Structure formats: structure tokens, C-alpha cells
Amino acid sequence: MNLAASTGPLASGFQRPAWDSQAVFRSVLEAMSYPGRIAPLSVTLEVPAPLELATAAVCLALLDYETAIWVQPGPGAPAIHTYLRFHCGCPAVESPEKADFALVLQPQEAPALETFAQGSAEQPHRSATVILQIANLEGGAPMTLRGPGIADTQVIRPAGLASHFWQQWRRNSAQYPLGVDVILTSGARLAALPRTVQVEA
């Protein structure tokens, strides 16, 4: 096992910070380059519940003192704030639209994607990245992805998303180059949905 849940006030971060952070960053970059492709992570990490390994690893690899994070209110949120502030130095914001990164652990109760920062015509890169922890990256209804990084089509079967997520996603991708990017996480694996991706059932 490469995951240990912590019940103490502060869980440890990467065992090999520079190496592990680079490895996770490369996995995220590959997932963004090949939308829908599942990327397993091989790092060892202790995380505060209800975070799972991939969720925490993405945060530790991508967040720093210049990236504002919004954490969905709910069980464990205070411990998660403490964990991320200690390991990443990232400031927390209370409003989703002010976040550079958003951490959603209860996808059925998540704010709509359009709630988060969408970027602007002058600065589309100022949009948010939503890290969405779900039940499983497989086992759900199949959805077909098309777009850059996909040779023809890519089928993804995430389980645990809200029923309206894909309608929101279609609106999100339709406004490219604006819109959010989404990283799906579950256990020690992740997959990415950059805003360039179009989806069909």
C-alpha cells in the first residue's frame, strides 16, 4: 500500500519531495496531454481523511504560495486546509470564483463548473483547475471524448460524478478558450479533462 490515512493533526507529505513532486507533475502533464487516459501514481504519501492519495499528490505537486485554493466545505475540510497550508503554503479562499485551484470531495454537491474562474479573452489561462475526487475512474456510464491529444476517440467511465456534470462539461468546452480544466482523482490514479475536450454519450 502506498496510502496511509492520518488521524493526527498533520499528515506527512512526500517522502522524497523533489523526486515525487516531479513524478506527479509529469503524470498530470501526461494526463492533460492525453485526455481520459488513466495515470497511476507510484508515490508514497500520508493524507488526512477524506483525501485520497492522488488528490493529495496533485495538490502537493501543483500548489504553492501563489496559488489560491478553495476546498469544498464538509467533513475534514479544516484538516485539509491545515495540511495544504503546511505542505504547499497556498492561501485559502472562501469563494469558488476566486480560486486558482478548487478541491471537490463531494461531487454530488459540487458547485456548477461555471461557478469557478473562467478566465478572460485577454487571459484565458487565469481560469481555475478543479480537482474532483470521485468514487472510481471506471465502472460508470461510458462517455466518448474527442479533441486534441485523442487520435480518434477515448472512452472514459468515471463513477460517482453528479448526474448533471456532463451537461455542465458541454457548456464548459463550448466556450473554449475560456472554461475550467478538471482533474479526476480516485485512489492512487488520475485522469484529466482539459477544456478542449468534447464529450458525447
C-alpha atoms as a PDB file:
ATOM      1  CA  MET A   1       0.000   0.000   0.000  1.00  0.00           C
ATOM      2  CA  ASN A   2       1.231   3.485  -0.831  1.00  0.00           C
ATOM      3  CA  LEU A   3      -1.511   5.312   1.040  1.00  0.00           C
ATOM      4  CA  ALA A   4      -1.963   5.832   4.742  1.00  0.00           C
ATOM      5  CA  ALA A   5      -4.801   7.824   6.251  1.00  0.00           C
ATOM      6  CA  SER A   6      -3.788  10.045   9.114  1.00  0.00           C
ATOM      7  CA  THR A   7      -5.911  10.644  12.168  1.00  0.00           C
ATOM      8  CA  GLY A   8      -3.419  13.061  13.685  1.00  0.00           C
ATOM      9  CA  PRO A   9      -3.399  16.836  13.259  1.00  0.00           C
ATOM     10  CA  LEU A  10      -0.886  16.812  10.424  1.00  0.00           C
ATOM     11  CA  ALA A  11      -0.042  14.071   7.931  1.00  0.00           C
ATOM     12  CA  SER A  12       3.399  13.875   6.336  1.00  0.00           C
ATOM     13  CA  GLY A  13       3.993  14.916   2.739  1.00  0.00           C
ATOM     14  CA  PHE A  14       6.085  13.319   0.008  1.00  0.00           C
ATOM     15  CA  GLN A  15       8.842  11.051   1.289  1.00  0.00           C
ATOM     16  CA  ARG A  16      11.152  12.339  -1.475  1.00  0.00           C
ATOM     17  CA  PRO A  17       9.739  15.837  -2.082  1.00  0.00           C
ATOM     18  CA  ALA A  18      11.669  16.868  -5.209  1.00  0.00           C
ATOM     19  CA  TRP A  19      11.537  13.462  -6.892  1.00  0.00           C
ATOM     20  CA  ASP A  20       7.923  12.692  -6.008  1.00  0.00           C
ATOM     21  CA  SER A  21       6.674  16.153  -6.925  1.00  0.00           C
ATOM     22  CA  GLN A  22       8.305  15.919 -10.347  1.00  0.00           C
ATOM     23  CA  ALA A  23       6.900  12.427 -10.901  1.00  0.00           C
ATOM     24  CA  VAL A  24       3.354  13.543 -10.074  1.00  0.00           C
ATOM     25  CA  PHE A  25       3.737  16.676 -12.196  1.00  0.00           C
ATOM     26  CA  ARG A  26       4.780  14.542 -15.168  1.00  0.00           C
ATOM     27  CA  SER A  27       1.779  12.264 -14.626  1.00  0.00           C
ATOM     28  CA  VAL A  28      -0.589  15.250 -14.576  1.00  0.00           C
ATOM     29  CA  LEU A  29       1.047  16.684 -17.689  1.00  0.00           C
ATOM     30  CA  GLU A  30       0.683  13.364 -19.487  1.00  0.00           C
ATOM     31  CA  ALA A  31      -2.949  13.079 -18.396  1.00  0.00           C
ATOM     32  CA  MET A  32      -3.650  16.578 -19.713  1.00  0.00           C
ATOM     33  CA  SER A  33      -1.903  15.730 -22.973  1.00  0.00           C
ATOM     34  CA  TYR A  34      -3.931  12.533 -23.420  1.00  0.00           C
ATOM     35  CA  PRO A  35      -7.412  13.327 -22.065  1.00  0.00           C
ATOM     36  CA  GLY A  36      -9.294  10.467 -20.464  1.00  0.00           C
ATOM     37  CA  ARG A  37      -6.245   8.233 -20.155  1.00  0.00           C
ATOM     38  CA  ILE A  38      -5.866   6.892 -16.619  1.00  0.00           C
ATOM     39  CA  ALA A  39      -2.493   7.562 -14.983  1.00  0.00           C
ATOM     40  CA  PRO A  40      -1.453   5.557 -11.897  1.00  0.00           C
ATOM     41  CA  LEU A  41       0.748   7.211  -9.282  1.00  0.00           C
ATOM     42  CA  SER A  42       3.534   5.332  -7.517  1.00  0.00           C
ATOM     43  CA  VAL A  43       4.411   7.789  -4.751  1.00  0.00           C
ATOM     44  CA  THR A  44       4.058   7.107  -1.037  1.00  0.00           C
ATOM     45  CA  LEU A  45       2.045   9.653   0.885  1.00  0.00           C
ATOM     46  CA  GLU A  46       0.218  10.025   4.172  1.00  0.00           C
ATOM     47  CA  VAL A  47      -3.001  12.009   3.787  1.00  0.00           C
ATOM     48  CA  PRO A  48      -5.710  13.407   6.055  1.00  0.00           C
ATOM     49  CA  ALA A  49      -9.154  11.870   5.559  1.00  0.00           C
ATOM     50  CA  PRO A  50     -11.164  12.180   3.393  1.00  0.00           C
ATOM     51  CA  LEU A  51      -8.370  12.951   0.909  1.00  0.00           C
ATOM     52  CA  GLU A  52      -7.147  10.060  -1.214  1.00  0.00           C
ATOM     53  CA  LEU A  53      -3.598   9.617  -2.458  1.00  0.00           C
ATOM     54  CA  ALA A  54      -3.968  11.007  -5.975  1.00  0.00           C
ATOM     55  CA  THR A  55      -5.928  14.022  -4.760  1.00  0.00           C
ATOM     56  CA  ALA A  56      -3.333  14.944  -2.171  1.00  0.00           C
ATOM     57  CA  ALA A  57      -0.415  14.217  -4.510  1.00  0.00           C
ATOM     58  CA  VAL A  58      -1.792  16.521  -7.210  1.00  0.00           C
ATOM     59  CA  CYS A  59      -2.186  19.287  -4.640  1.00  0.00           C
ATOM     60  CA  LEU A  60       1.342  18.867  -3.289  1.00  0.00           C
ATOM     61  CA  ALA A  61       2.814  18.845  -6.799  1.00  0.00           C
ATOM     62  CA  LEU A  62       0.872  21.797  -8.248  1.00  0.00           C
ATOM     63  CA  LEU A  63       0.091  24.198  -5.408  1.00  0.00           C
ATOM     64  CA  ASP A  64       2.386  26.798  -3.922  1.00  0.00           C
ATOM     65  CA  TYR A  65       2.214  30.133  -2.109  1.00  0.00           C
ATOM     66  CA  GLU A  66       0.992  31.897  -5.297  1.00  0.00           C
ATOM     67  CA  THR A  67      -1.961  29.563  -5.967  1.00  0.00           C
ATOM     68  CA  ALA A  68      -5.216  30.178  -4.127  1.00  0.00           C
ATOM     69  CA  ILE A  69      -7.148  27.045  -3.195  1.00  0.00           C
ATOM     70  CA  TRP A  70     -10.850  26.601  -2.469  1.00  0.00           C
ATOM     71  CA  VAL A  71     -11.734  23.454  -0.533  1.00  0.00           C
ATOM     72  CA  GLN A  72     -15.340  22.289  -0.622  1.00  0.00           C
ATOM     73  CA  PRO A  73     -16.817  22.679   2.857  1.00  0.00           C
ATOM     74  CA  GLY A  74     -17.551  19.389   4.571  1.00  0.00           C
ATOM     75  CA  PRO A  75     -16.068  16.714   6.842  1.00  0.00           C
ATOM     76  CA  GLY A  76     -12.312  17.027   7.114  1.00  0.00           C
ATOM     77  CA  ALA A  77     -12.076  20.445   5.458  1.00  0.00           C
ATOM     78  CA  PRO A  78     -10.252  22.142   8.383  1.00  0.00           C
ATOM     79  CA  ALA A  79      -7.635  19.366   8.482  1.00  0.00           C
ATOM     80  CA  ILE A  80      -7.206  19.590   4.716  1.00  0.00           C
ATOM     81  CA  HIS A  81      -6.668  23.359   4.929  1.00  0.00           C
ATOM     82  CA  THR A  82      -4.005  22.830   7.601  1.00  0.00           C
ATOM     83  CA  TYR A  83      -2.325  20.085   5.584  1.00  0.00           C
ATOM     84  CA  LEU A  84      -2.177  22.130   2.366  1.00  0.00           C
ATOM     85  CA  ARG A  85      -1.111  25.308   4.098  1.00  0.00           C
ATOM     86  CA  PHE A  86       1.766  23.494   5.807  1.00  0.00           C
ATOM     87  CA  HIS A  87       2.998  21.497   2.793  1.00  0.00           C
ATOM     88  CA  CYS A  88       2.212  23.950  -0.036  1.00  0.00           C
ATOM     89  CA  GLY A  89       1.926  27.368   1.571  1.00  0.00           C
ATOM     90  CA  CYS A  90      -1.125  28.027  -0.582  1.00  0.00           C
ATOM     91  CA  PRO A  91      -3.629  30.662   0.553  1.00  0.00           C
ATOM     92  CA  ALA A  92      -7.225  29.529   1.076  1.00  0.00           C
ATOM     93  CA  VAL A  93     -10.205  31.425  -0.329  1.00  0.00           C
ATOM     94  CA  GLU A  94     -13.834  31.138   0.729  1.00  0.00           C
ATOM     95  CA  SER A  95     -15.381  31.866  -2.670  1.00  0.00           C
ATOM     96  CA  PRO A  96     -15.013  29.309  -5.503  1.00  0.00           C
ATOM     97  CA  GLU A  97     -14.779  32.022  -8.161  1.00  0.00           C
ATOM     98  CA  LYS A  98     -11.624  33.431  -6.536  1.00  0.00           C
ATOM     99  CA  ALA A  99      -9.690  30.156  -6.584  1.00  0.00           C
ATOM    100  CA  ASP A 100      -6.853  29.148  -8.899  1.00  0.00           C
ATOM    101  CA  PHE A 101      -7.467  25.548  -7.837  1.00  0.00           C
ATOM    102  CA  ALA A 102     -10.631  24.036  -6.396  1.00  0.00           C
ATOM    103  CA  LEU A 103     -10.769  20.817  -4.419  1.00  0.00           C
ATOM    104  CA  VAL A 104     -14.099  18.973  -4.609  1.00  0.00           C
ATOM    105  CA  LEU A 105     -14.545  15.884  -2.438  1.00  0.00           C
ATOM    106  CA  GLN A 106     -18.334  15.577  -2.608  1.00  0.00           C
ATOM    107  CA  PRO A 107     -19.080  15.638  -6.346  1.00  0.00           C
ATOM    108  CA  GLN A 108     -22.824  15.222  -5.870  1.00  0.00           C
ATOM    109  CA  GLU A 109     -22.885  18.554  -4.026  1.00  0.00           C
ATOM    110  CA  ALA A 110     -20.259  20.380  -6.086  1.00  0.00           C
ATOM    111  CA  PRO A 111     -20.844  23.918  -7.347  1.00  0.00           C
ATOM    112  CA  ALA A 112     -21.515  24.188 -11.076  1.00  0.00           C
ATOM    113  CA  LEU A 113     -18.395  24.366 -13.223  1.00  0.00           C
ATOM    114  CA  GLU A 114     -19.334  27.875 -14.340  1.00  0.00           C
ATOM    115  CA  THR A 115     -19.084  28.971 -10.693  1.00  0.00           C
ATOM    116  CA  PHE A 116     -15.289  28.743 -10.871  1.00  0.00           C
ATOM    117  CA  ALA A 117     -12.989  31.266 -12.551  1.00  0.00           C
ATOM    118  CA  GLN A 118     -13.407  31.012 -16.321  1.00  0.00           C
ATOM    119  CA  GLY A 119     -10.532  33.214 -17.452  1.00  0.00           C
ATOM    120  CA  SER A 120     -10.975  36.093 -19.871  1.00  0.00           C
ATOM    121  CA  ALA A 121     -10.405  36.725 -23.561  1.00  0.00           C
ATOM    122  CA  GLU A 122      -7.180  38.527 -22.660  1.00  0.00           C
ATOM    123  CA  GLN A 123      -6.093  35.981 -20.034  1.00  0.00           C
ATOM    124  CA  PRO A 124      -7.751  32.588 -20.625  1.00  0.00           C
ATOM    125  CA  HIS A 125      -5.053  30.973 -18.501  1.00  0.00           C
ATOM    126  CA  ARG A 126      -6.476  32.690 -15.420  1.00  0.00           C
ATOM    127  CA  SER A 127      -9.222  30.076 -15.214  1.00  0.00           C
ATOM    128  CA  ALA A 128      -9.454  27.527 -12.419  1.00  0.00           C
ATOM    129  CA  THR A 129      -8.369  23.921 -12.313  1.00  0.00           C
ATOM    130  CA  VAL A 130     -10.915  21.747 -10.500  1.00  0.00           C
ATOM    131  CA  ILE A 131      -9.585  18.642  -8.736  1.00  0.00           C
ATOM    132  CA  LEU A 132     -12.568  16.335  -8.483  1.00  0.00           C
ATOM    133  CA  GLN A 133     -12.248  13.277  -6.242  1.00  0.00           C
ATOM    134  CA  ILE A 134     -14.726  10.601  -7.315  1.00  0.00           C
ATOM    135  CA  ALA A 135     -15.640   7.042  -6.322  1.00  0.00           C
ATOM    136  CA  ASN A 136     -13.854   5.346  -9.223  1.00  0.00           C
ATOM    137  CA  LEU A 137     -12.331   6.171 -12.596  1.00  0.00           C
ATOM    138  CA  GLU A 138     -14.017   3.093 -14.014  1.00  0.00           C
ATOM    139  CA  GLY A 139     -17.387   1.391 -13.720  1.00  0.00           C
ATOM    140  CA  GLY A 140     -19.640   4.306 -14.648  1.00  0.00           C
ATOM    141  CA  ALA A 141     -21.581   5.014 -17.813  1.00  0.00           C
ATOM    142  CA  PRO A 142     -19.274   5.230 -20.846  1.00  0.00           C
ATOM    143  CA  MET A 143     -18.646   8.680 -22.300  1.00  0.00           C
ATOM    144  CA  THR A 144     -16.769   9.274 -25.556  1.00  0.00           C
ATOM    145  CA  LEU A 145     -14.169  12.029 -25.672  1.00  0.00           C
ATOM    146  CA  ARG A 146     -12.860  13.841 -28.731  1.00  0.00           C
ATOM    147  CA  GLY A 147     -10.340  16.621 -29.097  1.00  0.00           C
ATOM    148  CA  PRO A 148      -6.634  17.466 -29.058  1.00  0.00           C
ATOM    149  CA  GLY A 149      -4.479  14.642 -27.728  1.00  0.00           C
ATOM    150  CA  ILE A 150      -7.000  11.994 -28.796  1.00  0.00           C
ATOM    151  CA  ALA A 151      -6.234  10.212 -32.073  1.00  0.00           C
ATOM    152  CA  ASP A 152      -9.871   9.308 -32.762  1.00  0.00           C
ATOM    153  CA  THR A 153     -11.928   8.814 -29.617  1.00  0.00           C
ATOM    154  CA  GLN A 154     -11.260   7.958 -25.977  1.00  0.00           C
ATOM    155  CA  VAL A 155     -13.878   6.271 -23.812  1.00  0.00           C
ATOM    156  CA  ILE A 156     -13.975   7.142 -20.131  1.00  0.00           C
ATOM    157  CA  ARG A 157     -16.223   5.566 -17.474  1.00  0.00           C
ATOM    158  CA  PRO A 158     -15.928   7.601 -14.279  1.00  0.00           C
ATOM    159  CA  ALA A 159     -18.234   6.607 -11.428  1.00  0.00           C
ATOM    160  CA  GLY A 160     -19.584   8.992  -8.817  1.00  0.00           C
ATOM    161  CA  LEU A 161     -19.999  12.195 -10.816  1.00  0.00           C
ATOM    162  CA  ALA A 162     -23.135  14.271 -10.362  1.00  0.00           C
ATOM    163  CA  SER A 163     -25.849  13.471 -12.903  1.00  0.00           C
ATOM    164  CA  HIS A 164     -25.608  16.960 -14.413  1.00  0.00           C
ATOM    165  CA  PHE A 165     -21.811  17.012 -14.718  1.00  0.00           C
ATOM    166  CA  TRP A 166     -21.669  16.174 -18.426  1.00  0.00           C
ATOM    167  CA  GLN A 167     -24.223  18.840 -19.343  1.00  0.00           C
ATOM    168  CA  GLN A 168     -22.054  21.329 -17.489  1.00  0.00           C
ATOM    169  CA  TRP A 169     -18.985  19.983 -19.269  1.00  0.00           C
ATOM    170  CA  ARG A 170     -20.528  20.544 -22.694  1.00  0.00           C
ATOM    171  CA  ARG A 171     -21.172  24.176 -21.803  1.00  0.00           C
ATOM    172  CA  ASN A 172     -17.637  24.427 -20.448  1.00  0.00           C
ATOM    173  CA  SER A 173     -15.915  23.096 -23.575  1.00  0.00           C
ATOM    174  CA  ALA A 174     -18.175  25.157 -25.857  1.00  0.00           C
ATOM    175  CA  GLN A 175     -16.692  28.400 -24.551  1.00  0.00           C
ATOM    176  CA  TYR A 176     -13.055  27.456 -25.254  1.00  0.00           C
ATOM    177  CA  PRO A 177     -10.524  29.100 -24.826  1.00  0.00           C
ATOM    178  CA  LEU A 178     -12.351  30.056 -21.632  1.00  0.00           C
ATOM    179  CA  GLY A 179     -13.533  27.476 -19.123  1.00  0.00           C
ATOM    180  CA  VAL A 180     -12.073  25.269 -16.426  1.00  0.00           C
ATOM    181  CA  ASP A 181      -9.850  22.208 -16.623  1.00  0.00           C
ATOM    182  CA  VAL A 182     -10.756  19.195 -14.490  1.00  0.00           C
ATOM    183  CA  ILE A 183      -8.518  16.552 -12.922  1.00  0.00           C
ATOM    184  CA  LEU A 184     -10.421  13.447 -11.849  1.00  0.00           C
ATOM    185  CA  THR A 185      -8.850  11.514  -8.984  1.00  0.00           C
ATOM    186  CA  SER A 186      -9.666   8.237  -7.276  1.00  0.00           C
ATOM    187  CA  GLY A 187      -7.427   6.203  -5.024  1.00  0.00           C
ATOM    188  CA  ALA A 188      -3.920   6.379  -6.474  1.00  0.00           C
ATOM    189  CA  ARG A 189      -4.996   7.182 -10.044  1.00  0.00           C
ATOM    190  CA  LEU A 190      -5.992  10.236 -12.005  1.00  0.00           C
ATOM    191  CA  ALA A 191      -7.325  11.294 -15.395  1.00  0.00           C
ATOM    192  CA  ALA A 192      -7.734  14.732 -16.914  1.00  0.00           C
ATOM    193  CA  LEU A 193     -10.380  16.640 -18.808  1.00  0.00           C
ATOM    194  CA  PRO A 194      -8.818  19.758 -20.318  1.00  0.00           C
ATOM    195  CA  ARG A 195     -11.334  22.328 -21.539  1.00  0.00           C
ATOM    196  CA  THR A 196     -10.524  21.429 -25.156  1.00  0.00           C
ATOM    197  CA  VAL A 197     -12.267  18.062 -24.791  1.00  0.00           C
ATOM    198  CA  GLN A 198     -15.698  17.484 -26.291  1.00  0.00           C
ATOM    199  CA  VAL A 199     -17.888  14.701 -24.924  1.00  0.00           C
ATOM    200  CA  GLU A 200     -20.732  12.597 -26.223  1.00  0.00           C
ATOM    201  CA  ALA A 201     -22.648   9.721 -24.685  1.00  0.00           C
END
